[in-house]
Amino acid sequence: MVRRRRPPLPPLLAVAVTLALGIWLAFGDLQRFQEAPPEGEPAVAEPATRVEVVTRVAEPHAPRLVLQGHLTADRELTLRVRQTGRVEALPIAAGSRVEAGTVLLELAREELPARLEQAEAELALARAELAGADDLRRRELISNTDLLRLQSGVSRAVAEVATLRRQLDDTRPRAPFAGVLDRLDAELGDLAQDGEAFGRLVDDTHLVARAWVPQRDAQELEVGLPATLRLLDGSRLEGEVSLVGRRAEEEARSFAVEAQVANPERRRLAGASATLVVTLPERRVHRLSPALLELDDEGRLAVKHLDDDDRVLLTAVTLVDAVPEEARVVGLPERVRLITLGGGLVAPGERVEAVAAEPAAEAL
């Protein structure tokens, strides 16, 4: 087959095509290399950072303060004799439960009954003499000085009788309140000296739990708050706070706190250790993951959340209590949109694109 050759372009046309091509190469695509977009065309905005959020509403919560302490009896008294004498009888055995007014010890009375009888006779005589003197005074047959001397004699006799009666009563020491004679340190025939201890009386129908609370928590405590005692065997006793110290202990800078609890079964618990759990006043808190807590510029705990315009806020909070999987804080608005994912990529004041959190984050 014979191919026909295309006739060459005329010289003038070739020059024109070459010139047009050069002009296009030099200026035709110049707009692509301009640093600013052409006038009248809007700039393309950077896309907003996407974060996941969850809406939370504050809920009531009664925080608990857990303290380690020890138990004492509500009332405990060291018994002492008030009259010197030999132990004549031990009517109550150690460990016995007694009622108020029960005689715990009997001392020999020796000559006390006889001395009391003599003092009572002298009192009767002094009163009779004073009565006769009053009759003489009305008839002006006795001076005021003699009358005053007789009145003084009556007063001395009354004081003597009262002293001897008290000494007789002191030979029979009695229980000032109901309880257990926890210790008895006396034997028959012992010579008990005035002021000497002979036993210990314990009232364990109620117990007092004593503990120390750090100064950061002491301000929330007040008398009357519910308290629970956790014993070593797992059992519990219920009561309430009965004392909060007004002055911190100097070394540990902590405050004394006491709670009184009932011991209806009268278990032997005085002196034992126990965990004291105080239920603090109810507060409205937000529950969140501890991973959402961070520090603000002032070193305070803070949480990131969004306002109504999807701008990031960093709000300081106070930690009420926490467990490994959950923290409870106060300081946030009643209703808040928490940032659950992406908070580390945004700064306060930045506008973001908010999307709903995953179901797992919603459930926390």
Protein backbone atom coordinates (compact mmCIF):
# COMPACT_ATOMS: atom_id res chain seq x y z
CA MET A 1 0.00 0.00 0.00
CA VAL A 2 1.34 3.43 -0.85
CA ARG A 3 1.05 6.06 2.01
CA ARG A 4 0.37 9.63 1.13
CA ARG A 5 2.49 12.22 2.89
CA ARG A 6 0.70 15.18 4.59
CA PRO A 7 1.63 18.38 2.89
CA PRO A 8 3.80 20.64 5.11
CA LEU A 9 2.28 23.71 6.84
CA PRO A 10 2.85 26.95 5.18
CA PRO A 11 5.79 28.81 6.73
CA LEU A 12 3.68 31.68 8.09
CA LEU A 13 1.21 29.37 9.79
CA ALA A 14 3.99 27.40 11.46
CA VAL A 15 5.47 30.54 12.95
CA ALA A 16 2.07 31.57 14.37
CA VAL A 17 1.47 28.22 16.01
CA THR A 18 4.94 28.21 17.58
CA LEU A 19 4.45 31.75 18.98
CA ALA A 20 1.04 30.88 20.49
CA LEU A 21 2.45 27.80 22.16
CA GLY A 22 5.25 29.80 23.75
CA ILE A 23 2.87 32.42 25.11
CA TRP A 24 0.66 29.71 26.67
CA LEU A 25 3.61 28.00 28.32
CA ALA A 26 4.79 31.29 29.83
CA PHE A 27 1.53 32.77 31.08
CA GLY A 28 -1.33 30.34 30.57
CA ASP A 29 -1.08 28.39 33.94
CA LEU A 30 0.29 31.22 36.10
CA GLN A 31 -2.80 31.28 38.38
CA ARG A 32 -1.86 27.90 39.88
CA PHE A 33 1.36 29.34 41.31
CA GLN A 34 -0.16 32.36 43.06
CA GLU A 35 0.28 32.33 46.86
CA ALA A 36 -3.21 33.80 47.52
CA PRO A 37 -6.47 32.62 45.94
CA PRO A 38 -7.92 34.77 43.21
CA GLU A 39 -9.77 37.81 44.42
CA GLY A 40 -13.41 37.11 45.16
CA GLU A 41 -12.92 33.36 45.93
CA PRO A 42 -13.28 32.31 49.70
CA ALA A 43 -10.36 30.61 51.51
CA VAL A 44 -10.84 26.98 52.53
CA ALA A 45 -11.22 26.71 56.41
CA GLU A 46 -9.25 24.18 58.40
CA PRO A 47 -11.52 21.32 59.63
CA ALA A 48 -12.45 21.45 63.39
CA THR A 49 -10.98 18.80 65.73
CA ARG A 50 -13.47 16.07 66.43
CA VAL A 51 -14.08 15.04 70.06
CA GLU A 52 -16.47 12.61 71.68
CA VAL A 53 -18.79 13.99 74.35
CA VAL A 54 -21.37 12.68 76.78
CA THR A 55 -24.02 14.70 78.60
CA ARG A 56 -24.13 14.22 82.35
CA VAL A 57 -26.43 15.58 85.07
CA ALA A 58 -25.30 15.92 88.68
CA GLU A 59 -26.73 13.35 91.07
CA PRO A 60 -26.98 13.16 94.88
CA HIS A 61 -24.21 11.34 96.70
CA ALA A 62 -23.38 10.93 100.39
CA PRO A 63 -19.59 10.46 100.61
CA ARG A 64 -18.10 8.29 103.32
CA LEU A 65 -15.05 8.96 105.44
CA VAL A 66 -13.18 5.80 106.46
CA LEU A 67 -10.98 6.01 109.57
CA GLN A 68 -9.03 3.50 111.63
CA GLY A 69 -9.64 3.68 115.37
CA HIS A 70 -10.15 1.73 118.56
CA LEU A 71 -13.05 1.07 120.91
CA THR A 72 -13.51 1.99 124.54
CA ALA A 73 -16.40 1.49 126.91
CA ASP A 74 -18.84 4.37 127.19
CA ARG A 75 -18.11 4.56 130.94
CA GLU A 76 -15.13 3.09 132.72
CA LEU A 77 -14.18 3.83 136.33
CA THR A 78 -11.31 2.84 138.58
CA LEU A 79 -12.86 2.01 141.96
CA ARG A 80 -11.15 3.37 145.08
CA VAL A 81 -11.88 3.04 148.76
CA ARG A 82 -12.60 6.22 150.73
CA GLN A 83 -12.16 4.76 154.18
CA THR A 84 -9.22 2.87 155.65
CA GLY A 85 -10.14 -0.59 156.86
CA ARG A 86 -9.64 -4.32 156.49
CA VAL A 87 -11.50 -6.19 153.76
CA GLU A 88 -14.24 -8.07 155.54
CA ALA A 89 -16.23 -9.47 152.59
CA LEU A 90 -16.20 -9.66 148.78
CA PRO A 91 -19.88 -9.92 147.85
CA ILE A 92 -19.31 -9.57 144.08
CA ALA A 93 -16.97 -11.72 142.00
CA ALA A 94 -14.83 -10.24 139.27
CA GLY A 95 -16.57 -10.35 135.90
CA SER A 96 -20.07 -10.07 137.39
CA ARG A 97 -22.61 -7.64 136.03
CA VAL A 98 -24.03 -5.34 138.69
CA GLU A 99 -26.73 -2.69 138.96
CA ALA A 100 -26.18 0.85 140.19
CA GLY A 101 -26.01 0.93 144.00
CA THR A 102 -24.75 -2.66 144.43
CA VAL A 103 -22.27 -3.09 147.32
CA LEU A 104 -18.95 -4.14 145.78
CA LEU A 105 -16.76 -4.42 148.87
CA GLU A 106 -17.25 -4.61 152.65
CA LEU A 107 -14.70 -3.14 155.07
CA ALA A 108 -14.62 -3.79 158.79
CA ARG A 109 -16.48 -1.02 160.61
CA GLU A 110 -14.62 -1.45 163.88
CA GLU A 111 -15.73 1.24 166.40
CA LEU A 112 -17.59 3.41 163.88
CA PRO A 113 -21.13 2.30 164.88
CA ALA A 114 -20.41 3.06 168.54
CA ARG A 115 -18.91 6.43 167.74
CA LEU A 116 -21.94 7.29 165.62
CA GLU A 117 -24.29 6.34 168.44
CA GLN A 118 -22.35 8.56 170.85
CA ALA A 119 -22.36 11.47 168.39
CA GLU A 120 -26.12 11.17 167.87
CA ALA A 121 -26.64 11.26 171.66
CA GLU A 122 -24.47 14.34 171.97
CA LEU A 123 -26.44 15.98 169.18
CA ALA A 124 -29.70 15.27 170.97
CA LEU A 125 -28.29 16.78 174.18
CA ALA A 126 -27.01 19.87 172.39
CA ARG A 127 -30.41 20.45 170.79
CA ALA A 128 -32.19 20.08 174.14
CA GLU A 129 -29.84 22.60 175.75
CA LEU A 130 -30.40 25.04 172.89
CA ALA A 131 -34.16 24.70 173.22
CA GLY A 132 -33.92 25.54 176.95
CA ALA A 133 -31.70 28.48 176.21
CA ASP A 134 -34.23 29.88 173.75
CA ASP A 135 -36.83 29.89 176.54
CA LEU A 136 -34.40 31.65 178.86
CA ARG A 137 -33.56 34.15 176.14
CA ARG A 138 -37.20 35.16 175.80
CA ARG A 139 -37.21 35.89 179.54
CA GLU A 140 -33.83 37.64 179.23
CA LEU A 141 -32.20 35.18 181.61
CA ILE A 142 -29.29 34.29 179.29
CA SER A 143 -26.89 36.40 177.31
CA ASN A 144 -26.54 36.37 173.54
CA THR A 145 -23.01 35.04 173.91
CA ASP A 146 -24.15 31.94 175.80
CA LEU A 147 -26.95 31.38 173.29
CA LEU A 148 -24.50 31.54 170.36
CA ARG A 149 -22.18 29.11 172.16
CA LEU A 150 -25.02 26.60 172.47
CA GLN A 151 -25.94 27.03 168.77
CA SER A 152 -22.32 26.39 167.82
CA GLY A 153 -22.35 23.21 169.87
CA VAL A 154 -25.39 21.95 167.99
CA SER A 155 -23.65 22.66 164.64
CA ARG A 156 -20.54 20.73 165.73
CA ALA A 157 -22.65 17.79 166.80
CA VAL A 158 -24.50 17.78 163.47
CA ALA A 159 -21.19 17.81 161.55
CA GLU A 160 -19.82 14.95 163.64
CA VAL A 161 -22.88 12.80 163.03
CA ALA A 162 -22.70 13.49 159.28
CA THR A 163 -19.00 12.60 159.16
CA LEU A 164 -19.47 9.31 160.98
CA ARG A 165 -22.42 8.35 158.81
CA ARG A 166 -20.37 9.01 155.68
CA GLN A 167 -17.50 6.94 157.06
CA LEU A 168 -19.88 4.09 157.73
CA ASP A 169 -21.23 4.33 154.19
CA ASP A 170 -17.67 4.34 152.83
CA THR A 171 -17.04 0.93 154.37
CA ARG A 172 -19.56 -0.38 151.80
CA PRO A 173 -18.40 0.99 148.39
CA ARG A 174 -21.25 0.83 145.87
CA ALA A 175 -21.41 0.79 142.07
CA PRO A 176 -22.08 4.34 140.82
CA PHE A 177 -23.64 2.94 137.62
CA ALA A 178 -24.67 -0.37 136.14
CA GLY A 179 -21.88 -2.33 134.49
CA VAL A 180 -19.40 -5.17 134.85
CA LEU A 181 -16.91 -5.51 137.70
CA ASP A 182 -14.14 -6.01 135.19
CA ARG A 183 -11.35 -6.23 137.75
CA LEU A 184 -11.19 -6.87 141.49
CA ASP A 185 -7.84 -6.22 143.21
CA ALA A 186 -8.72 -7.05 146.80
CA GLU A 187 -8.49 -10.12 149.01
CA LEU A 188 -10.15 -10.98 152.30
CA GLY A 189 -8.12 -9.58 155.17
CA ASP A 190 -6.29 -6.97 153.10
CA LEU A 191 -5.82 -3.57 154.69
CA ALA A 192 -7.30 -1.08 152.25
CA GLN A 193 -5.94 2.43 152.57
CA ASP A 194 -7.98 5.55 151.87
CA GLY A 195 -7.69 6.29 148.13
CA GLU A 196 -6.39 2.86 147.17
CA ALA A 197 -7.82 1.24 143.97
CA PHE A 198 -9.59 -2.06 144.46
CA GLY A 199 -11.20 -2.69 141.06
CA ARG A 200 -12.57 -1.41 137.78
CA LEU A 201 -16.21 -0.99 136.72
CA VAL A 202 -17.04 -0.97 132.99
CA ASP A 203 -20.32 -0.01 131.33
CA ASP A 204 -20.18 -1.59 127.87
CA THR A 205 -23.84 -1.25 126.89
CA HIS A 206 -22.54 1.54 124.64
CA LEU A 207 -19.10 1.81 123.05
CA VAL A 208 -17.10 4.82 121.92
CA ALA A 209 -14.99 4.58 118.77
CA ARG A 210 -12.07 6.99 118.79
CA ALA A 211 -10.06 7.91 115.70
CA TRP A 212 -8.08 10.77 114.15
CA VAL A 213 -9.19 12.59 111.01
CA PRO A 214 -6.84 14.55 108.69
CA GLN A 215 -7.34 18.30 108.76
CA ARG A 216 -8.46 18.35 105.09
CA ASP A 217 -11.50 16.22 106.04
CA ALA A 218 -12.24 17.59 109.51
CA GLN A 219 -14.26 20.57 108.27
CA GLU A 220 -16.98 18.29 106.88
CA LEU A 221 -17.53 16.44 110.15
CA GLU A 222 -20.20 17.42 112.63
CA VAL A 223 -21.89 15.88 115.65
CA GLY A 224 -24.86 13.69 114.78
CA LEU A 225 -23.62 12.29 111.46
CA PRO A 226 -24.35 8.56 110.96
CA ALA A 227 -21.42 6.27 111.75
CA THR A 228 -20.83 2.57 111.24
CA LEU A 229 -18.26 0.39 112.98
CA ARG A 230 -16.74 -2.44 110.98
CA LEU A 231 -15.34 -5.05 113.32
CA LEU A 232 -12.58 -7.54 112.57
CA ASP A 233 -15.05 -10.43 112.33
CA GLY A 234 -17.00 -8.60 109.63
CA SER A 235 -19.93 -7.59 111.84
CA ARG A 236 -21.13 -4.00 112.13
CA LEU A 237 -22.48 -1.68 114.80
CA GLU A 238 -24.48 1.45 114.04
CA GLY A 239 -24.21 4.79 115.84
CA GLU A 240 -23.45 8.47 115.30
CA VAL A 241 -20.65 10.98 115.71
CA SER A 242 -20.61 12.30 119.28
CA LEU A 243 -17.48 14.49 119.28
CA VAL A 244 -15.29 16.37 116.80
CA GLY A 245 -12.15 17.92 118.24
CA ARG A 246 -11.75 21.70 118.07
CA ARG A 247 -7.94 21.64 118.13
CA ALA A 248 -5.57 19.60 115.97
CA GLU A 249 -3.04 17.27 117.52
CA GLU A 250 0.31 19.00 117.14
CA GLU A 251 2.46 16.21 115.67
CA ALA A 252 0.09 14.75 113.06
CA ARG A 253 -2.07 17.88 112.60
CA SER A 254 -5.18 15.74 112.83
CA PHE A 255 -8.40 16.11 114.81
CA ALA A 256 -9.93 13.69 117.29
CA VAL A 257 -13.32 12.26 116.37
CA GLU A 258 -15.55 10.01 118.47
CA ALA A 259 -18.65 8.04 117.61
CA GLN A 260 -20.98 6.37 120.09
CA VAL A 261 -22.52 3.05 119.09
CA ALA A 262 -24.90 0.70 120.87
CA ASN A 263 -23.67 -2.71 122.00
CA PRO A 264 -26.99 -4.49 122.62
CA GLU A 265 -25.39 -7.92 122.82
CA ARG A 266 -22.78 -6.59 125.24
CA ARG A 267 -19.95 -8.14 123.31
CA ARG A 268 -16.42 -7.91 124.67
CA LEU A 269 -15.17 -5.18 122.37
CA ALA A 270 -13.72 -2.48 124.62
CA GLY A 271 -10.07 -1.93 123.75
CA ALA A 272 -10.37 -3.59 120.33
CA SER A 273 -9.56 -1.96 117.00
CA ALA A 274 -12.22 -1.18 114.41
CA THR A 275 -12.86 0.71 111.19
CA LEU A 276 -15.03 3.80 111.61
CA VAL A 277 -17.08 4.79 108.56
CA VAL A 278 -18.76 8.22 108.81
CA THR A 279 -21.43 9.15 106.27
CA LEU A 280 -20.91 12.80 105.34
CA PRO A 281 -23.67 15.26 104.30
CA GLU A 282 -25.18 14.61 100.88
CA ARG A 283 -23.79 16.55 97.90
CA ARG A 284 -24.56 16.74 94.18
CA VAL A 285 -21.67 15.23 92.24
CA HIS A 286 -20.72 14.16 88.74
CA ARG A 287 -19.47 10.64 88.09
CA LEU A 288 -16.66 10.30 85.57
CA SER A 289 -13.63 8.25 84.69
CA PRO A 290 -10.47 9.21 86.62
CA ALA A 291 -8.73 9.38 83.23
CA LEU A 292 -10.67 12.59 82.46
CA LEU A 293 -9.05 14.45 85.35
CA GLU A 294 -6.13 16.76 84.59
CA LEU A 295 -4.34 19.69 86.16
CA ASP A 296 -4.97 23.32 85.23
CA ASP A 297 -2.33 26.07 85.19
CA GLU A 298 -2.69 26.54 88.95
CA GLY A 299 -2.16 22.85 89.72
CA ARG A 300 -5.80 22.13 90.54
CA LEU A 301 -7.78 19.12 89.38
CA ALA A 302 -9.85 20.10 86.36
CA VAL A 303 -12.15 18.60 83.72
CA LYS A 304 -12.63 19.56 80.07
CA HIS A 305 -16.15 20.02 78.75
CA LEU A 306 -18.03 22.01 76.09
CA ASP A 307 -20.24 25.06 76.22
CA ASP A 308 -23.33 25.58 74.06
CA ASP A 309 -21.16 26.82 71.17
CA ASP A 310 -18.97 23.69 71.20
CA ARG A 311 -16.03 25.58 72.66
CA VAL A 312 -13.73 23.83 75.10
CA LEU A 313 -13.89 24.79 78.80
CA LEU A 314 -11.48 23.69 81.53
CA THR A 315 -13.18 23.86 84.94
CA ALA A 316 -11.51 23.22 88.31
CA VAL A 317 -13.20 20.51 90.40
CA THR A 318 -12.93 19.05 93.88
CA LEU A 319 -12.57 15.31 94.28
CA VAL A 320 -15.18 13.96 96.70
CA ASP A 321 -14.15 10.31 96.54
CA ALA A 322 -12.83 7.82 94.02
CA VAL A 323 -12.33 4.17 93.25
CA PRO A 324 -10.09 2.80 90.47
CA GLU A 325 -12.92 2.80 87.92
CA GLU A 326 -14.80 5.96 88.92
CA ALA A 327 -14.32 9.41 90.45
CA ARG A 328 -16.95 11.70 91.96
CA VAL A 329 -16.33 15.44 91.74
CA VAL A 330 -18.06 18.73 92.51
CA GLY A 331 -17.58 22.08 90.81
CA LEU A 332 -19.10 21.41 87.38
CA PRO A 333 -22.41 22.84 86.15
CA GLU A 334 -25.57 20.88 86.98
CA ARG A 335 -25.75 19.68 83.37
CA VAL A 336 -22.45 19.29 81.56
CA ARG A 337 -21.14 17.96 78.22
CA LEU A 338 -18.01 16.05 79.16
CA ILE A 339 -15.26 15.40 76.61
CA THR A 340 -14.61 11.68 76.86
CA LEU A 341 -12.23 11.26 73.91
CA GLY A 342 -9.91 13.74 72.24
CA GLY A 343 -9.57 16.12 75.18
CA GLY A 344 -5.80 15.95 75.03
CA LEU A 345 -5.80 17.34 71.48
CA VAL A 346 -7.79 20.52 72.22
CA ALA A 347 -7.18 23.63 74.29
CA PRO A 348 -9.59 25.80 76.30
CA GLY A 349 -11.44 28.25 74.05
CA GLU A 350 -11.06 26.11 70.93
CA ARG A 351 -14.17 25.30 68.92
CA VAL A 352 -14.52 21.61 68.13
CA GLU A 353 -16.80 19.20 66.34
CA ALA A 354 -18.73 17.25 68.96
CA VAL A 355 -19.90 13.70 68.32
CA ALA A 356 -21.74 11.36 70.66
CA ALA A 357 -19.52 9.09 72.76
CA GLU A 358 -19.46 5.34 72.38
CA PRO A 359 -22.01 3.37 74.47
CA ALA A 360 -19.28 2.19 76.85
CA ALA A 361 -18.44 5.79 77.77
CA GLU A 362 -22.13 6.63 78.12
CA ALA A 363 -22.59 3.84 80.65
CA LEU A 364 -19.94 5.14 83.06
